[in-house]
Amino acid sequence: MTSRSSSAKRSGRAGGPVLVFSATNAMQHLHDLDSVFAFPASARNVLRPGGTLILDVFNPDMAKMCRLPESPYHHKSVADRDGARLDVRATTSYDAAAQVLRFTLDYLRDGVCVRTKKISMRCFFPEELRALCRLAGLDIAQRYGDYDQSLFTSTSPKQLLSWSSTAFRTSRPHGCTVRRRPAAETPRTAAVRVRPDPAGVTPDSAG
């Protein structure tokens, strides 16, 4: 049986990778909360002490998210395998309750659609993403707005966040404490009898 140092237990695996890089909005394909919370924790658990986690997601743009589904727009142009130009026409719809932006991408060659792709991506707002990191026990080491290492602002196209495994915290997030309820404050249960109202209206039937 081999033993592991306490720092390895806190920060990950001694023989783990030095870098975990989640690029090109990969995290935004995780839609359910269990997967969202598990992602940074899983990266933390496999990194070796001193390793780095880098996360790349786009910065939500409210103007783009509010586009009407019936208003297609030119998204970009790409080349197919033969080198021919394909224009990508996009339509979007945003589900505010789920924070999911849905794309329909039509690939056009000479104005004729040759392929259609549908993508659903969860949006992470900047402070929400920082809160998720705190809940996972992570401290942000660096945050940029693009790969040119420009400072992150509200108009940045991307959110590039970097954590060092030495910054991973095993304690609770700052400001979070657990308070035990004194025995005297333990709530008591009591039977409550509801008497019918003289007018015949009960609490269940009242509108």
C-alpha atoms as a PDB file:
ATOM      1  CA  MET A   1       0.000   0.000   0.000  1.00  0.00           C
ATOM      2  CA  THR A   2       1.386   3.381  -0.979  1.00  0.00           C
ATOM      3  CA  SER A   3       0.681   6.523   0.985  1.00  0.00           C
ATOM      4  CA  ARG A   4      -0.176   9.907  -0.458  1.00  0.00           C
ATOM      5  CA  SER A   5       0.950  13.203   0.953  1.00  0.00           C
ATOM      6  CA  SER A   6      -1.591  15.460   2.620  1.00  0.00           C
ATOM      7  CA  SER A   7      -1.079  18.076  -0.106  1.00  0.00           C
ATOM      8  CA  ALA A   8      -1.877  15.502  -2.777  1.00  0.00           C
ATOM      9  CA  LYS A   9      -5.042  14.556  -0.940  1.00  0.00           C
ATOM     10  CA  ARG A  10      -6.082  18.189  -0.758  1.00  0.00           C
ATOM     11  CA  SER A  11      -5.161  19.215  -4.290  1.00  0.00           C
ATOM     12  CA  GLY A  12      -5.553  16.073  -6.384  1.00  0.00           C
ATOM     13  CA  ARG A  13      -3.379  13.194  -7.510  1.00  0.00           C
ATOM     14  CA  ALA A  14       0.396  13.309  -7.215  1.00  0.00           C
ATOM     15  CA  GLY A  15       0.671  11.565 -10.592  1.00  0.00           C
ATOM     16  CA  GLY A  16      -2.171  13.467 -12.232  1.00  0.00           C
ATOM     17  CA  PRO A  17      -1.951  15.872 -15.181  1.00  0.00           C
ATOM     18  CA  VAL A  18      -0.435  19.326 -14.803  1.00  0.00           C
ATOM     19  CA  LEU A  19      -3.122  20.918 -16.978  1.00  0.00           C
ATOM     20  CA  VAL A  20      -6.838  20.415 -17.521  1.00  0.00           C
ATOM     21  CA  PHE A  21      -8.051  22.658 -20.344  1.00  0.00           C
ATOM     22  CA  SER A  22     -11.760  22.855 -21.141  1.00  0.00           C
ATOM     23  CA  ALA A  23     -11.761  24.723 -24.454  1.00  0.00           C
ATOM     24  CA  THR A  24     -14.294  26.068 -26.961  1.00  0.00           C
ATOM     25  CA  ASN A  25     -17.300  26.273 -24.644  1.00  0.00           C
ATOM     26  CA  ALA A  26     -17.202  22.570 -23.715  1.00  0.00           C
ATOM     27  CA  MET A  27     -18.680  23.199 -20.256  1.00  0.00           C
ATOM     28  CA  GLN A  28     -21.709  24.836 -21.862  1.00  0.00           C
ATOM     29  CA  HIS A  29     -22.876  21.473 -23.155  1.00  0.00           C
ATOM     30  CA  LEU A  30     -23.588  20.475 -19.540  1.00  0.00           C
ATOM     31  CA  HIS A  31     -27.197  21.396 -18.849  1.00  0.00           C
ATOM     32  CA  ASP A  32     -28.213  19.642 -15.622  1.00  0.00           C
ATOM     33  CA  LEU A  33     -27.014  20.989 -12.278  1.00  0.00           C
ATOM     34  CA  ASP A  34     -25.405  17.725 -11.166  1.00  0.00           C
ATOM     35  CA  SER A  35     -23.095  17.768 -14.191  1.00  0.00           C
ATOM     36  CA  VAL A  36     -22.363  21.481 -13.807  1.00  0.00           C
ATOM     37  CA  PHE A  37     -21.302  21.073 -10.172  1.00  0.00           C
ATOM     38  CA  ALA A  38     -19.385  17.841 -10.840  1.00  0.00           C
ATOM     39  CA  PHE A  39     -17.253  19.316 -13.625  1.00  0.00           C
ATOM     40  CA  PRO A  40     -14.867  21.589 -11.637  1.00  0.00           C
ATOM     41  CA  ALA A  41     -14.765  19.117  -8.753  1.00  0.00           C
ATOM     42  CA  SER A  42     -13.707  16.308 -11.111  1.00  0.00           C
ATOM     43  CA  ALA A  43     -10.956  18.466 -12.602  1.00  0.00           C
ATOM     44  CA  ARG A  44      -9.727  19.350  -9.117  1.00  0.00           C
ATOM     45  CA  ASN A  45      -9.640  15.704  -8.092  1.00  0.00           C
ATOM     46  CA  VAL A  46      -7.407  14.576 -10.978  1.00  0.00           C
ATOM     47  CA  LEU A  47      -4.927  17.484 -11.120  1.00  0.00           C
ATOM     48  CA  ARG A  48      -1.580  17.043  -9.450  1.00  0.00           C
ATOM     49  CA  PRO A  49      -0.496  19.614  -6.835  1.00  0.00           C
ATOM     50  CA  GLY A  50       0.544  22.788  -8.642  1.00  0.00           C
ATOM     51  CA  GLY A  51      -1.499  21.879 -11.730  1.00  0.00           C
ATOM     52  CA  THR A  52      -3.749  24.301 -13.584  1.00  0.00           C
ATOM     53  CA  LEU A  53      -7.385  24.235 -14.646  1.00  0.00           C
ATOM     54  CA  ILE A  54      -8.354  26.552 -17.522  1.00  0.00           C
ATOM     55  CA  LEU A  55     -11.985  27.093 -18.439  1.00  0.00           C
ATOM     56  CA  ASP A  56     -13.189  28.727 -21.669  1.00  0.00           C
ATOM     57  CA  VAL A  57     -16.853  29.741 -22.050  1.00  0.00           C
ATOM     58  CA  PHE A  58     -18.413  32.606 -23.969  1.00  0.00           C
ATOM     59  CA  ASN A  59     -19.583  35.723 -22.183  1.00  0.00           C
ATOM     60  CA  PRO A  60     -23.386  35.978 -22.597  1.00  0.00           C
ATOM     61  CA  ASP A  61     -24.403  38.872 -24.844  1.00  0.00           C
ATOM     62  CA  MET A  62     -27.955  39.943 -24.035  1.00  0.00           C
ATOM     63  CA  ALA A  63     -28.422  41.641 -27.417  1.00  0.00           C
ATOM     64  CA  LYS A  64     -27.632  38.394 -29.221  1.00  0.00           C
ATOM     65  CA  MET A  65     -29.691  36.306 -26.807  1.00  0.00           C
ATOM     66  CA  CYS A  66     -32.751  38.487 -27.451  1.00  0.00           C
ATOM     67  CA  ARG A  67     -32.771  37.869 -31.206  1.00  0.00           C
ATOM     68  CA  LEU A  68     -36.127  36.673 -32.498  1.00  0.00           C
ATOM     69  CA  PRO A  69     -36.201  33.066 -33.784  1.00  0.00           C
ATOM     70  CA  GLU A  70     -37.653  34.263 -37.100  1.00  0.00           C
ATOM     71  CA  SER A  71     -34.693  36.617 -37.667  1.00  0.00           C
ATOM     72  CA  PRO A  72     -31.819  34.595 -39.187  1.00  0.00           C
ATOM     73  CA  TYR A  73     -28.393  36.200 -39.395  1.00  0.00           C
ATOM     74  CA  HIS A  74     -24.986  35.467 -40.924  1.00  0.00           C
ATOM     75  CA  HIS A  75     -22.959  33.688 -38.260  1.00  0.00           C
ATOM     76  CA  LYS A  76     -19.686  33.006 -40.059  1.00  0.00           C
ATOM     77  CA  SER A  77     -18.137  31.563 -43.222  1.00  0.00           C
ATOM     78  CA  VAL A  78     -16.125  28.340 -43.317  1.00  0.00           C
ATOM     79  CA  ALA A  79     -14.547  26.093 -45.947  1.00  0.00           C
ATOM     80  CA  ASP A  80     -15.709  22.546 -46.600  1.00  0.00           C
ATOM     81  CA  ARG A  81     -13.400  19.599 -47.288  1.00  0.00           C
ATOM     82  CA  ASP A  82     -13.109  20.597 -50.938  1.00  0.00           C
ATOM     83  CA  GLY A  83     -12.177  24.145 -50.042  1.00  0.00           C
ATOM     84  CA  ALA A  84     -15.516  25.566 -51.169  1.00  0.00           C
ATOM     85  CA  ARG A  85     -16.964  28.412 -49.130  1.00  0.00           C
ATOM     86  CA  LEU A  86     -19.907  27.697 -46.856  1.00  0.00           C
ATOM     87  CA  ASP A  87     -21.912  30.528 -45.329  1.00  0.00           C
ATOM     88  CA  VAL A  88     -23.402  29.678 -41.953  1.00  0.00           C
ATOM     89  CA  ARG A  89     -26.841  31.150 -41.322  1.00  0.00           C
ATOM     90  CA  ALA A  90     -28.046  31.030 -37.726  1.00  0.00           C
ATOM     91  CA  THR A  91     -31.305  31.421 -35.876  1.00  0.00           C
ATOM     92  CA  THR A  92     -31.414  31.444 -32.087  1.00  0.00           C
ATOM     93  CA  SER A  93     -33.879  31.206 -29.245  1.00  0.00           C
ATOM     94  CA  TYR A  94     -33.154  31.664 -25.565  1.00  0.00           C
ATOM     95  CA  ASP A  95     -34.827  29.748 -22.749  1.00  0.00           C
ATOM     96  CA  ALA A  96     -34.407  32.132 -19.816  1.00  0.00           C
ATOM     97  CA  ALA A  97     -35.696  29.631 -17.249  1.00  0.00           C
ATOM     98  CA  ALA A  98     -33.106  27.008 -18.191  1.00  0.00           C
ATOM     99  CA  GLN A  99     -30.450  29.561 -19.263  1.00  0.00           C
ATOM    100  CA  VAL A 100     -30.050  27.617 -22.502  1.00  0.00           C
ATOM    101  CA  LEU A 101     -29.342  29.272 -25.852  1.00  0.00           C
ATOM    102  CA  ARG A 102     -30.482  27.130 -28.783  1.00  0.00           C
ATOM    103  CA  PHE A 103     -28.925  27.524 -32.221  1.00  0.00           C
ATOM    104  CA  THR A 104     -30.052  26.251 -35.603  1.00  0.00           C
ATOM    105  CA  LEU A 105     -27.135  26.500 -38.031  1.00  0.00           C
ATOM    106  CA  ASP A 106     -27.738  26.188 -41.779  1.00  0.00           C
ATOM    107  CA  TYR A 107     -24.640  25.661 -43.928  1.00  0.00           C
ATOM    108  CA  LEU A 108     -25.186  27.262 -47.339  1.00  0.00           C
ATOM    109  CA  ARG A 109     -23.224  26.622 -50.518  1.00  0.00           C
ATOM    110  CA  ASP A 110     -24.094  29.160 -53.210  1.00  0.00           C
ATOM    111  CA  GLY A 111     -27.281  29.951 -51.301  1.00  0.00           C
ATOM    112  CA  VAL A 112     -28.405  26.311 -51.057  1.00  0.00           C
ATOM    113  CA  CYS A 113     -28.568  24.645 -47.634  1.00  0.00           C
ATOM    114  CA  VAL A 114     -26.389  21.514 -47.622  1.00  0.00           C
ATOM    115  CA  ARG A 115     -26.402  20.815 -43.896  1.00  0.00           C
ATOM    116  CA  THR A 116     -28.302  21.814 -40.753  1.00  0.00           C
ATOM    117  CA  LYS A 117     -27.021  21.474 -37.202  1.00  0.00           C
ATOM    118  CA  LYS A 118     -28.818  22.181 -33.926  1.00  0.00           C
ATOM    119  CA  ILE A 119     -26.882  23.091 -30.772  1.00  0.00           C
ATOM    120  CA  SER A 120     -28.058  23.862 -27.243  1.00  0.00           C
ATOM    121  CA  MET A 121     -25.640  25.655 -24.928  1.00  0.00           C
ATOM    122  CA  ARG A 122     -26.068  26.605 -21.301  1.00  0.00           C
ATOM    123  CA  CYS A 123     -25.153  30.217 -20.567  1.00  0.00           C
ATOM    124  CA  PHE A 124     -22.988  31.040 -17.564  1.00  0.00           C
ATOM    125  CA  PHE A 125     -23.114  34.637 -16.426  1.00  0.00           C
ATOM    126  CA  PRO A 126     -19.847  35.993 -14.974  1.00  0.00           C
ATOM    127  CA  GLU A 127     -20.811  36.233 -11.308  1.00  0.00           C
ATOM    128  CA  GLU A 128     -22.741  32.971 -11.528  1.00  0.00           C
ATOM    129  CA  LEU A 129     -19.615  31.233 -12.799  1.00  0.00           C
ATOM    130  CA  ARG A 130     -17.543  32.672  -9.972  1.00  0.00           C
ATOM    131  CA  ALA A 131     -20.153  31.497  -7.475  1.00  0.00           C
ATOM    132  CA  LEU A 132     -20.080  27.984  -8.931  1.00  0.00           C
ATOM    133  CA  CYS A 133     -16.313  27.965  -8.495  1.00  0.00           C
ATOM    134  CA  ARG A 134     -16.614  29.062  -4.891  1.00  0.00           C
ATOM    135  CA  LEU A 135     -19.129  26.312  -4.199  1.00  0.00           C
ATOM    136  CA  ALA A 136     -16.689  23.807  -5.710  1.00  0.00           C
ATOM    137  CA  GLY A 137     -13.971  25.070  -3.367  1.00  0.00           C
ATOM    138  CA  LEU A 138     -11.959  26.901  -6.039  1.00  0.00           C
ATOM    139  CA  ASP A 139     -10.342  30.321  -6.078  1.00  0.00           C
ATOM    140  CA  ILE A 140      -9.828  32.090  -9.405  1.00  0.00           C
ATOM    141  CA  ALA A 141      -6.169  32.791 -10.110  1.00  0.00           C
ATOM    142  CA  GLN A 142      -6.690  34.731 -13.369  1.00  0.00           C
ATOM    143  CA  ARG A 143      -9.606  35.884 -15.507  1.00  0.00           C
ATOM    144  CA  TYR A 144      -9.297  37.194 -19.062  1.00  0.00           C
ATOM    145  CA  GLY A 145     -11.715  38.344 -21.738  1.00  0.00           C
ATOM    146  CA  ASP A 146      -9.978  36.563 -24.637  1.00  0.00           C
ATOM    147  CA  TYR A 147      -6.857  34.639 -25.606  1.00  0.00           C
ATOM    148  CA  ASP A 148      -4.915  37.891 -25.987  1.00  0.00           C
ATOM    149  CA  GLN A 149      -5.024  38.058 -22.158  1.00  0.00           C
ATOM    150  CA  SER A 150      -7.075  41.245 -22.209  1.00  0.00           C
ATOM    151  CA  LEU A 151      -8.794  42.133 -18.959  1.00  0.00           C
ATOM    152  CA  PHE A 152     -12.280  40.736 -18.587  1.00  0.00           C
ATOM    153  CA  THR A 153     -15.050  43.324 -18.994  1.00  0.00           C
ATOM    154  CA  SER A 154     -18.782  43.247 -19.620  1.00  0.00           C
ATOM    155  CA  THR A 155     -18.141  43.444 -23.380  1.00  0.00           C
ATOM    156  CA  SER A 156     -15.518  40.677 -23.528  1.00  0.00           C
ATOM    157  CA  PRO A 157     -16.402  37.883 -25.970  1.00  0.00           C
ATOM    158  CA  LYS A 158     -15.080  35.160 -23.681  1.00  0.00           C
ATOM    159  CA  GLN A 159     -14.602  34.199 -20.074  1.00  0.00           C
ATOM    160  CA  LEU A 160     -11.174  32.604 -19.687  1.00  0.00           C
ATOM    161  CA  LEU A 161     -10.642  31.519 -16.104  1.00  0.00           C
ATOM    162  CA  SER A 162      -7.547  29.913 -14.663  1.00  0.00           C
ATOM    163  CA  TRP A 163      -7.082  28.158 -11.339  1.00  0.00           C
ATOM    164  CA  SER A 164      -3.931  26.727  -9.846  1.00  0.00           C
ATOM    165  CA  SER A 165      -4.362  23.594  -7.776  1.00  0.00           C
ATOM    166  CA  THR A 166      -2.410  25.329  -5.011  1.00  0.00           C
ATOM    167  CA  ALA A 167      -5.342  27.747  -4.794  1.00  0.00           C
ATOM    168  CA  PHE A 168      -7.892  24.974  -4.363  1.00  0.00           C
ATOM    169  CA  ARG A 169      -9.556  25.310  -0.996  1.00  0.00           C
ATOM    170  CA  THR A 170     -10.765  22.500   1.165  1.00  0.00           C
ATOM    171  CA  SER A 171     -12.512  24.841   3.591  1.00  0.00           C
ATOM    172  CA  ARG A 172     -15.924  26.375   3.121  1.00  0.00           C
ATOM    173  CA  PRO A 173     -16.247  29.458   0.899  1.00  0.00           C
ATOM    174  CA  HIS A 174     -15.508  32.778   2.566  1.00  0.00           C
ATOM    175  CA  GLY A 175     -18.380  34.016   4.667  1.00  0.00           C
ATOM    176  CA  CYS A 176     -20.057  30.617   4.883  1.00  0.00           C
ATOM    177  CA  THR A 177     -20.385  29.161   8.349  1.00  0.00           C
ATOM    178  CA  VAL A 178     -22.402  26.363   9.831  1.00  0.00           C
ATOM    179  CA  ARG A 179     -24.349  27.267  12.954  1.00  0.00           C
ATOM    180  CA  ARG A 180     -25.712  24.510  15.092  1.00  0.00           C
ATOM    181  CA  ARG A 181     -29.119  25.178  16.547  1.00  0.00           C
ATOM    182  CA  PRO A 182     -29.088  25.149  20.368  1.00  0.00           C
ATOM    183  CA  ALA A 183     -31.284  22.550  21.952  1.00  0.00           C
ATOM    184  CA  ALA A 184     -33.575  25.276  23.256  1.00  0.00           C
ATOM    185  CA  GLU A 185     -34.201  26.432  19.672  1.00  0.00           C
ATOM    186  CA  THR A 186     -35.157  23.017  18.378  1.00  0.00           C
ATOM    187  CA  PRO A 187     -38.558  23.483  16.769  1.00  0.00           C
ATOM    188  CA  ARG A 188     -41.432  21.602  18.285  1.00  0.00           C
ATOM    189  CA  THR A 189     -44.340  20.136  16.448  1.00  0.00           C
ATOM    190  CA  ALA A 190     -47.907  20.625  17.564  1.00  0.00           C
ATOM    191  CA  ALA A 191     -51.235  19.368  16.370  1.00  0.00           C
ATOM    192  CA  VAL A 192     -53.365  22.069  14.790  1.00  0.00           C
ATOM    193  CA  ARG A 193     -57.095  21.671  14.422  1.00  0.00           C
ATOM    194  CA  VAL A 194     -58.847  23.760  11.793  1.00  0.00           C
ATOM    195  CA  ARG A 195     -62.429  24.536  12.620  1.00  0.00           C
ATOM    196  CA  PRO A 196     -64.893  24.995   9.748  1.00  0.00           C
ATOM    197  CA  ASP A 197     -65.715  28.587   8.965  1.00  0.00           C
ATOM    198  CA  PRO A 198     -69.314  29.496   9.766  1.00  0.00           C
ATOM    199  CA  ALA A 199     -69.756  30.592   6.166  1.00  0.00           C
ATOM    200  CA  GLY A 200     -68.695  27.163   4.947  1.00  0.00           C
ATOM    201  CA  VAL A 201     -65.346  28.291   3.460  1.00  0.00           C
ATOM    202  CA  THR A 202     -62.346  26.195   4.522  1.00  0.00           C
ATOM    203  CA  PRO A 203     -58.683  27.200   4.085  1.00  0.00           C
ATOM    204  CA  ASP A 204     -58.337  24.626   1.285  1.00  0.00           C
ATOM    205  CA  SER A 205     -61.206  26.006  -0.753  1.00  0.00           C
ATOM    206  CA  ALA A 206     -60.541  29.700  -0.239  1.00  0.00           C
ATOM    207  CA  GLY A 207     -59.346  31.395  -3.402  1.00  0.00           C
END
